[in-house]
Amino acid sequence: MNRPDKRNAVNLSMHRGLEEIWHPLGTDPDVGAIVLAGEGKGFCAGGDLVDFYPKDPTPFDMIRPSRRLVMEMVNCEAPVVAAVQGVAAGLGATLALLCDIIYAADDAKIGDTHVGMGMVAGDGGAVIWPLLVGPHRAKEMLMGSELVPGPRAAEMGLVNHCVPAAELMDRAIAHAKKLAAAPPIALRWTKQVLNQHVRQSLNLVMDSGIAIELLSCNTEDFREAGKAFFEKRKPVFRGR
């Protein structure tokens, strides 16, 4: 992900790229494994509040791309290793946690911040967090919009490994090379079997989650959160 000046926040163009990249990479016989990383000091700050939605979107314009991105990641045949440095927030956290193996730098912070921005966590976070850390801990993290430091994320089982920031890419690439050297049919089919749990949960939750997230984007609290963000002040929520 290459928007370092925006902390790799996902705009409309990047979202479309992330929707489209997983199938060709996953089905390319010359691709043994994939490393997902962010350029610069941060992994991904989530959705770009200025340039994330198409002009005059319909509900289908919102639901289809979100579902496609998440399902394409989960269905990608090649193993995906995340290298998380700096902040992975909101959609950025979801992108990291949907990877098969997750390396976090010791300065990383991972969290689903939708609620703090007046939104429902409907883009996949409501699925992958409970699967990784259990429902009660997931509720604590998502409802509190908490950013989890890298070392604690490893202790919780949210990520596989927490490593010194200077070693992050080398360690992630080394693990990807190890996976790429494994028997490809057995490796890829094992991933597909394991991800069946994720697919079933996504099919159960995601469409309704995105729909409710869209409803939350029409509230005064959502507008207040965005306004406060740009004005660099604490938001005042009124439950409207």
C-alpha atoms as a PDB file:
ATOM      1  CA  MET A   1       0.000   0.000   0.000  1.00  0.00           C
ATOM      2  CA  ASN A   2       1.610   3.177  -1.166  1.00  0.00           C
ATOM      3  CA  ARG A   3       0.102   6.415   0.147  1.00  0.00           C
ATOM      4  CA  PRO A   4       2.651   7.222   2.865  1.00  0.00           C
ATOM      5  CA  ASP A   5       1.671  10.906   3.013  1.00  0.00           C
ATOM      6  CA  LYS A   6      -1.809   9.743   4.110  1.00  0.00           C
ATOM      7  CA  ARG A   7      -0.532   6.918   6.337  1.00  0.00           C
ATOM      8  CA  ASN A   8      -1.709   4.593   3.547  1.00  0.00           C
ATOM      9  CA  ALA A   9      -5.351   5.443   4.187  1.00  0.00           C
ATOM     10  CA  VAL A  10      -7.533   3.590   1.687  1.00  0.00           C
ATOM     11  CA  ASN A  11      -9.110   5.870  -0.901  1.00  0.00           C
ATOM     12  CA  LEU A  12     -11.461   4.802  -3.679  1.00  0.00           C
ATOM     13  CA  SER A  13      -8.629   3.968  -6.080  1.00  0.00           C
ATOM     14  CA  MET A  14      -6.689   1.889  -3.549  1.00  0.00           C
ATOM     15  CA  HIS A  15      -9.861   0.055  -2.521  1.00  0.00           C
ATOM     16  CA  ARG A  16     -10.482  -0.966  -6.119  1.00  0.00           C
ATOM     17  CA  GLY A  17      -6.883  -2.110  -6.440  1.00  0.00           C
ATOM     18  CA  LEU A  18      -7.175  -4.202  -3.281  1.00  0.00           C
ATOM     19  CA  GLU A  19     -10.370  -5.751  -4.600  1.00  0.00           C
ATOM     20  CA  GLU A  20      -8.713  -6.756  -7.860  1.00  0.00           C
ATOM     21  CA  ILE A  21      -5.207  -7.877  -6.886  1.00  0.00           C
ATOM     22  CA  TRP A  22      -5.846 -11.026  -4.851  1.00  0.00           C
ATOM     23  CA  HIS A  23      -7.232 -13.340  -7.523  1.00  0.00           C
ATOM     24  CA  PRO A  24      -4.464 -12.830 -10.116  1.00  0.00           C
ATOM     25  CA  LEU A  25      -1.753 -13.097  -7.474  1.00  0.00           C
ATOM     26  CA  GLY A  26      -3.332 -16.107  -5.809  1.00  0.00           C
ATOM     27  CA  THR A  27      -3.740 -18.042  -9.056  1.00  0.00           C
ATOM     28  CA  ASP A  28      -0.303 -17.189 -10.490  1.00  0.00           C
ATOM     29  CA  PRO A  29       1.809 -20.381 -10.280  1.00  0.00           C
ATOM     30  CA  ASP A  30       4.951 -18.257  -9.956  1.00  0.00           C
ATOM     31  CA  VAL A  31       3.673 -16.586  -6.763  1.00  0.00           C
ATOM     32  CA  GLY A  32       4.556 -18.747  -3.786  1.00  0.00           C
ATOM     33  CA  ALA A  33       3.527 -16.278  -1.076  1.00  0.00           C
ATOM     34  CA  ILE A  34       2.552 -12.626  -0.670  1.00  0.00           C
ATOM     35  CA  VAL A  35       3.702  -9.977   1.822  1.00  0.00           C
ATOM     36  CA  LEU A  36       1.232  -7.168   2.549  1.00  0.00           C
ATOM     37  CA  ALA A  37       2.883  -4.034   3.930  1.00  0.00           C
ATOM     38  CA  GLY A  38       2.488  -0.275   3.979  1.00  0.00           C
ATOM     39  CA  GLU A  39       4.977   2.208   2.570  1.00  0.00           C
ATOM     40  CA  GLY A  40       6.481   4.590   5.098  1.00  0.00           C
ATOM     41  CA  LYS A  41       5.923   4.672   8.835  1.00  0.00           C
ATOM     42  CA  GLY A  42       2.374   3.283   8.994  1.00  0.00           C
ATOM     43  CA  PHE A  43       0.640   0.145   7.765  1.00  0.00           C
ATOM     44  CA  CYS A  44      -2.798   1.633   7.015  1.00  0.00           C
ATOM     45  CA  ALA A  45      -4.806   4.286   8.846  1.00  0.00           C
ATOM     46  CA  GLY A  46      -8.143   2.926   7.577  1.00  0.00           C
ATOM     47  CA  GLY A  47     -10.520   4.542   5.122  1.00  0.00           C
ATOM     48  CA  ASP A  48      -9.670   7.979   3.736  1.00  0.00           C
ATOM     49  CA  LEU A  49     -12.391  10.269   5.094  1.00  0.00           C
ATOM     50  CA  VAL A  50     -12.031  12.618   2.109  1.00  0.00           C
ATOM     51  CA  ASP A  51     -11.870  10.165  -0.799  1.00  0.00           C
ATOM     52  CA  PHE A  52     -13.370   6.814   0.161  1.00  0.00           C
ATOM     53  CA  TYR A  53     -16.886   6.730  -1.242  1.00  0.00           C
ATOM     54  CA  PRO A  54     -18.035   7.068  -4.868  1.00  0.00           C
ATOM     55  CA  LYS A  55     -20.104  10.134  -5.763  1.00  0.00           C
ATOM     56  CA  ASP A  56     -23.798   9.739  -4.867  1.00  0.00           C
ATOM     57  CA  PRO A  57     -23.391   6.092  -3.828  1.00  0.00           C
ATOM     58  CA  THR A  58     -26.248   3.622  -3.669  1.00  0.00           C
ATOM     59  CA  PRO A  59     -26.280   0.945  -0.950  1.00  0.00           C
ATOM     60  CA  PHE A  60     -25.076  -1.564  -3.538  1.00  0.00           C
ATOM     61  CA  ASP A  61     -22.135   0.726  -4.373  1.00  0.00           C
ATOM     62  CA  MET A  62     -21.057   0.343  -0.757  1.00  0.00           C
ATOM     63  CA  ILE A  63     -21.864  -3.281  -0.004  1.00  0.00           C
ATOM     64  CA  ARG A  64     -20.449  -4.911  -3.137  1.00  0.00           C
ATOM     65  CA  PRO A  65     -16.912  -3.438  -2.984  1.00  0.00           C
ATOM     66  CA  SER A  66     -16.577  -4.063   0.761  1.00  0.00           C
ATOM     67  CA  ARG A  67     -17.715  -7.667   0.454  1.00  0.00           C
ATOM     68  CA  ARG A  68     -15.583  -8.242  -2.622  1.00  0.00           C
ATOM     69  CA  LEU A  69     -12.398  -6.954  -0.982  1.00  0.00           C
ATOM     70  CA  VAL A  70     -12.781  -9.093   2.116  1.00  0.00           C
ATOM     71  CA  MET A  71     -13.860 -12.250   0.297  1.00  0.00           C
ATOM     72  CA  GLU A  72     -11.110 -11.916  -2.324  1.00  0.00           C
ATOM     73  CA  MET A  73      -8.530 -11.735   0.465  1.00  0.00           C
ATOM     74  CA  VAL A  74      -9.946 -14.761   2.243  1.00  0.00           C
ATOM     75  CA  ASN A  75     -10.206 -16.743  -1.001  1.00  0.00           C
ATOM     76  CA  CYS A  76      -6.705 -15.862  -2.217  1.00  0.00           C
ATOM     77  CA  GLU A  77      -5.010 -19.217  -2.797  1.00  0.00           C
ATOM     78  CA  ALA A  78      -1.470 -18.082  -1.987  1.00  0.00           C
ATOM     79  CA  PRO A  79      -0.547 -17.532   1.676  1.00  0.00           C
ATOM     80  CA  VAL A  80      -0.424 -13.879   2.730  1.00  0.00           C
ATOM     81  CA  VAL A  81       1.960 -12.539   5.384  1.00  0.00           C
ATOM     82  CA  ALA A  82       1.260  -9.126   6.929  1.00  0.00           C
ATOM     83  CA  ALA A  83       4.106  -6.839   7.990  1.00  0.00           C
ATOM     84  CA  VAL A  84       2.492  -4.270  10.283  1.00  0.00           C
ATOM     85  CA  GLN A  85       4.402  -1.170  11.285  1.00  0.00           C
ATOM     86  CA  GLY A  86       3.000   1.948  12.896  1.00  0.00           C
ATOM     87  CA  VAL A  87      -0.784   2.228  12.935  1.00  0.00           C
ATOM     88  CA  ALA A  88      -3.223  -0.306  11.486  1.00  0.00           C
ATOM     89  CA  ALA A  89      -6.644   1.172  12.237  1.00  0.00           C
ATOM     90  CA  GLY A  90     -10.207   0.474  11.109  1.00  0.00           C
ATOM     91  CA  LEU A  91     -10.111  -1.072   7.649  1.00  0.00           C
ATOM     92  CA  GLY A  92      -6.318  -1.149   7.998  1.00  0.00           C
ATOM     93  CA  ALA A  93      -6.635  -3.467  10.984  1.00  0.00           C
ATOM     94  CA  THR A  94      -9.082  -5.671   9.072  1.00  0.00           C
ATOM     95  CA  LEU A  95      -6.657  -5.943   6.149  1.00  0.00           C
ATOM     96  CA  ALA A  96      -3.862  -6.997   8.492  1.00  0.00           C
ATOM     97  CA  LEU A  97      -5.927  -9.480  10.485  1.00  0.00           C
ATOM     98  CA  LEU A  98      -7.329 -11.196   7.381  1.00  0.00           C
ATOM     99  CA  CYS A  99      -3.793 -12.203   6.411  1.00  0.00           C
ATOM    100  CA  ASP A 100      -2.662 -15.749   7.164  1.00  0.00           C
ATOM    101  CA  ILE A 101       0.443 -14.878   9.189  1.00  0.00           C
ATOM    102  CA  ILE A 102       0.820 -11.520  10.925  1.00  0.00           C
ATOM    103  CA  TYR A 103       4.091  -9.895  11.974  1.00  0.00           C
ATOM    104  CA  ALA A 104       3.798  -6.697  14.006  1.00  0.00           C
ATOM    105  CA  ALA A 105       6.614  -4.326  14.831  1.00  0.00           C
ATOM    106  CA  ASP A 106       7.137  -3.544  18.481  1.00  0.00           C
ATOM    107  CA  ASP A 107       5.989   0.017  17.748  1.00  0.00           C
ATOM    108  CA  ALA A 108       2.821  -1.100  15.933  1.00  0.00           C
ATOM    109  CA  LYS A 109      -0.679  -0.239  17.133  1.00  0.00           C
ATOM    110  CA  ILE A 110      -3.644  -2.231  15.857  1.00  0.00           C
ATOM    111  CA  GLY A 111      -7.279  -1.360  16.457  1.00  0.00           C
ATOM    112  CA  ASP A 112     -10.743  -1.121  14.980  1.00  0.00           C
ATOM    113  CA  THR A 113     -11.637   2.526  15.488  1.00  0.00           C
ATOM    114  CA  HIS A 114     -15.039   2.573  13.763  1.00  0.00           C
ATOM    115  CA  VAL A 115     -17.048   3.168  16.947  1.00  0.00           C
ATOM    116  CA  GLY A 116     -14.867   6.110  17.937  1.00  0.00           C
ATOM    117  CA  MET A 117     -15.684   7.657  14.562  1.00  0.00           C
ATOM    118  CA  GLY A 118     -19.415   7.176  15.087  1.00  0.00           C
ATOM    119  CA  MET A 119     -19.631   4.117  12.836  1.00  0.00           C
ATOM    120  CA  VAL A 120     -20.503   0.442  13.149  1.00  0.00           C
ATOM    121  CA  ALA A 121     -17.557  -1.932  12.628  1.00  0.00           C
ATOM    122  CA  GLY A 122     -19.190  -3.675   9.677  1.00  0.00           C
ATOM    123  CA  ASP A 123     -16.399  -4.119   7.132  1.00  0.00           C
ATOM    124  CA  GLY A 124     -15.094  -7.451   8.408  1.00  0.00           C
ATOM    125  CA  GLY A 125     -13.753  -6.405  11.787  1.00  0.00           C
ATOM    126  CA  ALA A 126     -16.850  -7.751  13.533  1.00  0.00           C
ATOM    127  CA  VAL A 127     -15.965 -11.151  12.076  1.00  0.00           C
ATOM    128  CA  ILE A 128     -12.197 -11.503  12.289  1.00  0.00           C
ATOM    129  CA  TRP A 129     -11.636 -10.040  15.769  1.00  0.00           C
ATOM    130  CA  PRO A 130     -13.919 -12.539  17.586  1.00  0.00           C
ATOM    131  CA  LEU A 131     -12.366 -15.406  15.626  1.00  0.00           C
ATOM    132  CA  LEU A 132      -8.874 -14.380  16.747  1.00  0.00           C
ATOM    133  CA  VAL A 133      -9.351 -13.259  20.355  1.00  0.00           C
ATOM    134  CA  GLY A 134     -12.855 -14.432  21.327  1.00  0.00           C
ATOM    135  CA  PRO A 135     -16.134 -12.497  21.493  1.00  0.00           C
ATOM    136  CA  HIS A 136     -15.720 -10.798  24.865  1.00  0.00           C
ATOM    137  CA  ARG A 137     -12.247  -9.470  24.203  1.00  0.00           C
ATOM    138  CA  ALA A 138     -13.335  -8.442  20.698  1.00  0.00           C
ATOM    139  CA  LYS A 139     -16.231  -6.470  22.185  1.00  0.00           C
ATOM    140  CA  GLU A 140     -13.847  -4.712  24.553  1.00  0.00           C
ATOM    141  CA  MET A 141     -11.487  -3.787  21.715  1.00  0.00           C
ATOM    142  CA  LEU A 142     -14.085  -2.743  19.120  1.00  0.00           C
ATOM    143  CA  MET A 143     -16.560  -1.029  21.420  1.00  0.00           C
ATOM    144  CA  GLY A 144     -13.695   0.888  23.032  1.00  0.00           C
ATOM    145  CA  SER A 145     -11.912   1.695  19.735  1.00  0.00           C
ATOM    146  CA  GLU A 146      -8.737   0.583  21.487  1.00  0.00           C
ATOM    147  CA  LEU A 147      -5.381   0.587  19.702  1.00  0.00           C
ATOM    148  CA  VAL A 148      -3.467  -2.484  20.853  1.00  0.00           C
ATOM    149  CA  PRO A 149       0.348  -2.191  21.029  1.00  0.00           C
ATOM    150  CA  GLY A 150       2.316  -4.803  19.087  1.00  0.00           C
ATOM    151  CA  PRO A 151       3.655  -6.719  22.124  1.00  0.00           C
ATOM    152  CA  ARG A 152       0.189  -6.997  23.675  1.00  0.00           C
ATOM    153  CA  ALA A 153      -1.300  -7.999  20.308  1.00  0.00           C
ATOM    154  CA  ALA A 154       1.092 -10.957  20.223  1.00  0.00           C
ATOM    155  CA  GLU A 155       0.248 -11.918  23.812  1.00  0.00           C
ATOM    156  CA  MET A 156      -3.487 -11.850  22.967  1.00  0.00           C
ATOM    157  CA  GLY A 157      -3.059 -13.977  19.860  1.00  0.00           C
ATOM    158  CA  LEU A 158      -4.189 -11.112  17.642  1.00  0.00           C
ATOM    159  CA  VAL A 159      -0.920 -11.391  15.690  1.00  0.00           C
ATOM    160  CA  ASN A 160       1.542 -14.256  15.329  1.00  0.00           C
ATOM    161  CA  HIS A 161       4.784 -12.444  16.098  1.00  0.00           C
ATOM    162  CA  CYS A 162       5.931  -9.111  17.506  1.00  0.00           C
ATOM    163  CA  VAL A 163       9.470  -8.222  16.408  1.00  0.00           C
ATOM    164  CA  PRO A 164      11.780  -5.197  16.572  1.00  0.00           C
ATOM    165  CA  ALA A 165      10.752  -2.625  13.981  1.00  0.00           C
ATOM    166  CA  ALA A 166      14.148  -2.792  12.281  1.00  0.00           C
ATOM    167  CA  GLU A 167      13.676  -6.532  11.675  1.00  0.00           C
ATOM    168  CA  LEU A 168      10.037  -6.468  10.563  1.00  0.00           C
ATOM    169  CA  MET A 169      10.340  -6.752   6.783  1.00  0.00           C
ATOM    170  CA  ASP A 170      13.217  -9.233   6.907  1.00  0.00           C
ATOM    171  CA  ARG A 171      11.273 -11.501   9.261  1.00  0.00           C
ATOM    172  CA  ALA A 172       8.053 -11.265   7.248  1.00  0.00           C
ATOM    173  CA  ILE A 173       9.829 -11.939   3.953  1.00  0.00           C
ATOM    174  CA  ALA A 174      11.734 -14.873   5.468  1.00  0.00           C
ATOM    175  CA  HIS A 175       8.464 -16.419   6.617  1.00  0.00           C
ATOM    176  CA  ALA A 176       6.914 -15.852   3.192  1.00  0.00           C
ATOM    177  CA  LYS A 177       9.878 -17.598   1.556  1.00  0.00           C
ATOM    178  CA  LYS A 178       9.460 -20.521   3.960  1.00  0.00           C
ATOM    179  CA  LEU A 179       5.801 -20.844   2.985  1.00  0.00           C
ATOM    180  CA  ALA A 180       6.668 -20.534  -0.704  1.00  0.00           C
ATOM    181  CA  ALA A 181       9.025 -23.506  -0.355  1.00  0.00           C
ATOM    182  CA  ALA A 182       6.271 -25.772   1.025  1.00  0.00           C
ATOM    183  CA  PRO A 183       4.356 -28.247  -1.190  1.00  0.00           C
ATOM    184  CA  PRO A 184       2.027 -25.797  -2.985  1.00  0.00           C
ATOM    185  CA  ILE A 185      -1.054 -27.994  -3.365  1.00  0.00           C
ATOM    186  CA  ALA A 186      -1.072 -29.126   0.262  1.00  0.00           C
ATOM    187  CA  LEU A 187      -0.312 -25.608   1.486  1.00  0.00           C
ATOM    188  CA  ARG A 188      -3.014 -23.874  -0.536  1.00  0.00           C
ATOM    189  CA  TRP A 189      -5.684 -26.463   0.112  1.00  0.00           C
ATOM    190  CA  THR A 190      -4.932 -26.400   3.837  1.00  0.00           C
ATOM    191  CA  LYS A 191      -5.417 -22.638   3.787  1.00  0.00           C
ATOM    192  CA  GLN A 192      -8.749 -23.035   2.007  1.00  0.00           C
ATOM    193  CA  VAL A 193      -9.968 -25.589   4.556  1.00  0.00           C
ATOM    194  CA  LEU A 194      -8.925 -23.416   7.496  1.00  0.00           C
ATOM    195  CA  ASN A 195     -10.498 -20.325   5.964  1.00  0.00           C
ATOM    196  CA  GLN A 196     -13.847 -22.078   5.627  1.00  0.00           C
ATOM    197  CA  HIS A 197     -14.539 -20.961   9.210  1.00  0.00           C
ATOM    198  CA  VAL A 198     -13.825 -17.371   8.205  1.00  0.00           C
ATOM    199  CA  ARG A 199     -15.966 -17.593   5.058  1.00  0.00           C
ATOM    200  CA  GLN A 200     -18.932 -18.981   6.968  1.00  0.00           C
ATOM    201  CA  SER A 201     -18.702 -16.207   9.547  1.00  0.00           C
ATOM    202  CA  LEU A 202     -18.377 -13.545   6.852  1.00  0.00           C
ATOM    203  CA  ASN A 203     -21.419 -14.887   5.007  1.00  0.00           C
ATOM    204  CA  LEU A 204     -23.373 -14.853   8.258  1.00  0.00           C
ATOM    205  CA  VAL A 205     -22.440 -11.358   9.402  1.00  0.00           C
ATOM    206  CA  MET A 206     -20.964  -9.153   6.715  1.00  0.00           C
ATOM    207  CA  ASP A 207     -23.909  -8.043   4.563  1.00  0.00           C
ATOM    208  CA  SER A 208     -25.977  -6.987   7.560  1.00  0.00           C
ATOM    209  CA  GLY A 209     -22.886  -5.469   9.185  1.00  0.00           C
ATOM    210  CA  ILE A 210     -22.145  -3.268   6.182  1.00  0.00           C
ATOM    211  CA  ALA A 211     -25.807  -2.269   5.903  1.00  0.00           C
ATOM    212  CA  ILE A 212     -25.894  -1.194   9.548  1.00  0.00           C
ATOM    213  CA  GLU A 213     -22.564   0.591   9.109  1.00  0.00           C
ATOM    214  CA  LEU A 214     -24.118   2.572   6.249  1.00  0.00           C
ATOM    215  CA  LEU A 215     -27.024   3.529   8.503  1.00  0.00           C
ATOM    216  CA  SER A 216     -24.587   4.730  11.154  1.00  0.00           C
ATOM    217  CA  CYS A 217     -22.944   6.991   8.550  1.00  0.00           C
ATOM    218  CA  ASN A 218     -26.206   8.966   8.370  1.00  0.00           C
ATOM    219  CA  THR A 219     -26.139   9.983  12.033  1.00  0.00           C
ATOM    220  CA  GLU A 220     -25.216  13.304  13.598  1.00  0.00           C
ATOM    221  CA  ASP A 221     -22.618  11.483  15.699  1.00  0.00           C
ATOM    222  CA  PHE A 222     -20.815  10.296  12.560  1.00  0.00           C
ATOM    223  CA  ARG A 223     -20.756  13.797  11.111  1.00  0.00           C
ATOM    224  CA  GLU A 224     -19.572  15.215  14.424  1.00  0.00           C
ATOM    225  CA  ALA A 225     -16.726  12.674  14.607  1.00  0.00           C
ATOM    226  CA  GLY A 226     -15.498  13.616  11.142  1.00  0.00           C
ATOM    227  CA  LYS A 227     -15.772  17.330  11.864  1.00  0.00           C
ATOM    228  CA  ALA A 228     -13.903  16.956  15.147  1.00  0.00           C
ATOM    229  CA  PHE A 229     -11.189  14.918  13.420  1.00  0.00           C
ATOM    230  CA  PHE A 230     -10.438  17.676  10.933  1.00  0.00           C
ATOM    231  CA  GLU A 231     -10.731  20.381  13.596  1.00  0.00           C
ATOM    232  CA  LYS A 232      -8.361  18.394  15.854  1.00  0.00           C
ATOM    233  CA  ARG A 233     -10.674  18.420  18.873  1.00  0.00           C
ATOM    234  CA  LYS A 234     -12.565  15.919  20.979  1.00  0.00           C
ATOM    235  CA  PRO A 235     -15.989  15.068  19.494  1.00  0.00           C
ATOM    236  CA  VAL A 236     -19.206  15.672  21.412  1.00  0.00           C
ATOM    237  CA  PHE A 237     -21.617  12.798  20.776  1.00  0.00           C
ATOM    238  CA  ARG A 238     -25.362  13.198  21.351  1.00  0.00           C
ATOM    239  CA  GLY A 239     -26.760   9.820  20.342  1.00  0.00           C
ATOM    240  CA  ARG A 240     -28.463  11.187  17.239  1.00  0.00           C
END
